[in-house]
Amino acid sequence: ALGCVLYEMATGRRAFEGKSKTSLIAAILSTQPPPISSIQPVMSPALDHVVKKCLEKDPADRFADVV
C-alpha cells in the first residue's frame, strides 16, 4: 500500500489501472507501473528505487519493515 500511495503522490497517477475489479487485480499481479522518473523526470532515482521495492510482487523481495 505504501508503494501505491508514494507512486500516486509523485506522479499524480495510480500505479495500477483497470476498467473492472478483475482487470485491476490482474494488473496488480502481472504488471509493473512505469518508473516514476519516466513520468516526472525531476524525481530522484532513489524514490524510484524505494517505490519499485515496495511494489515487488514477491513479499520476500519487499522491505521487511520501515524502521
Protein backbone atom coordinates (compact mmCIF):
# COMPACT_ATOMS: atom_id res chain seq x y z
CA ALA A 1 0.00 0.00 0.00
CA LEU A 2 2.84 2.41 0.80
CA GLY A 3 4.34 1.96 -2.66
CA CYS A 4 1.00 2.74 -4.32
CA VAL A 5 0.49 5.87 -2.21
CA LEU A 6 4.03 7.13 -2.89
CA TYR A 7 3.67 6.41 -6.60
CA GLU A 8 0.39 8.32 -6.83
CA MET A 9 1.76 11.25 -4.81
CA ALA A 10 4.84 11.51 -7.02
CA THR A 11 3.16 11.07 -10.40
CA GLY A 12 -0.47 12.08 -9.98
CA ARG A 13 -1.42 8.70 -11.46
CA ARG A 14 -2.39 5.39 -9.96
CA ALA A 15 0.28 2.71 -10.08
CA PHE A 16 -2.20 0.18 -11.47
CA GLU A 17 -5.26 0.77 -13.63
CA GLY A 18 -8.16 -1.43 -14.63
CA LYS A 19 -11.62 -0.96 -16.13
CA SER A 20 -13.08 -3.52 -13.73
CA LYS A 21 -12.06 -5.01 -10.42
CA THR A 22 -10.90 -8.13 -12.21
CA SER A 23 -8.68 -6.25 -14.66
CA LEU A 24 -7.29 -4.14 -11.80
CA ILE A 25 -6.35 -7.27 -9.85
CA ALA A 26 -4.77 -8.76 -12.98
CA ALA A 27 -2.71 -5.57 -13.46
CA ILE A 28 -1.54 -5.65 -9.85
CA LEU A 29 -0.49 -9.29 -10.16
CA SER A 30 1.17 -9.17 -13.56
CA THR A 31 2.47 -5.70 -14.46
CA GLN A 32 4.90 -3.10 -13.16
CA PRO A 33 3.98 0.57 -13.38
CA PRO A 34 6.24 2.83 -15.45
CA PRO A 35 9.17 4.23 -13.44
CA ILE A 36 8.36 7.48 -11.67
CA SER A 37 11.28 9.18 -13.43
CA SER A 38 9.71 8.45 -16.82
CA ILE A 39 6.62 10.43 -15.79
CA GLN A 40 8.30 13.05 -13.58
CA PRO A 41 11.94 13.40 -14.76
CA VAL A 42 12.85 15.72 -11.88
CA MET A 43 12.17 13.00 -9.29
CA SER A 44 15.09 11.36 -7.56
CA PRO A 45 16.22 7.91 -8.76
CA ALA A 46 16.26 6.95 -5.08
CA LEU A 47 12.49 7.46 -4.93
CA ASP A 48 12.12 5.22 -7.99
CA HIS A 49 14.13 2.53 -6.20
CA VAL A 50 12.13 2.75 -2.95
CA VAL A 51 8.76 2.66 -4.70
CA LYS A 52 9.82 -0.19 -7.00
CA LYS A 53 10.98 -2.17 -3.97
CA CYS A 54 7.65 -1.51 -2.21
CA LEU A 55 5.72 -2.71 -5.27
CA GLU A 56 7.60 -6.00 -5.74
CA LYS A 57 5.26 -8.90 -6.44
CA ASP A 58 7.03 -11.35 -4.11
CA PRO A 59 6.69 -10.27 -0.46
CA ALA A 60 10.18 -11.63 0.22
CA ASP A 61 11.57 -9.04 -2.22
CA ARG A 62 9.89 -6.11 -0.43
CA PHE A 63 11.24 -4.22 2.57
CA ALA A 64 10.78 -6.26 5.75
CA ASP A 65 9.82 -3.18 7.79
CA VAL A 66 10.05 0.59 7.70
CA VAL A 67 12.17 1.06 10.80
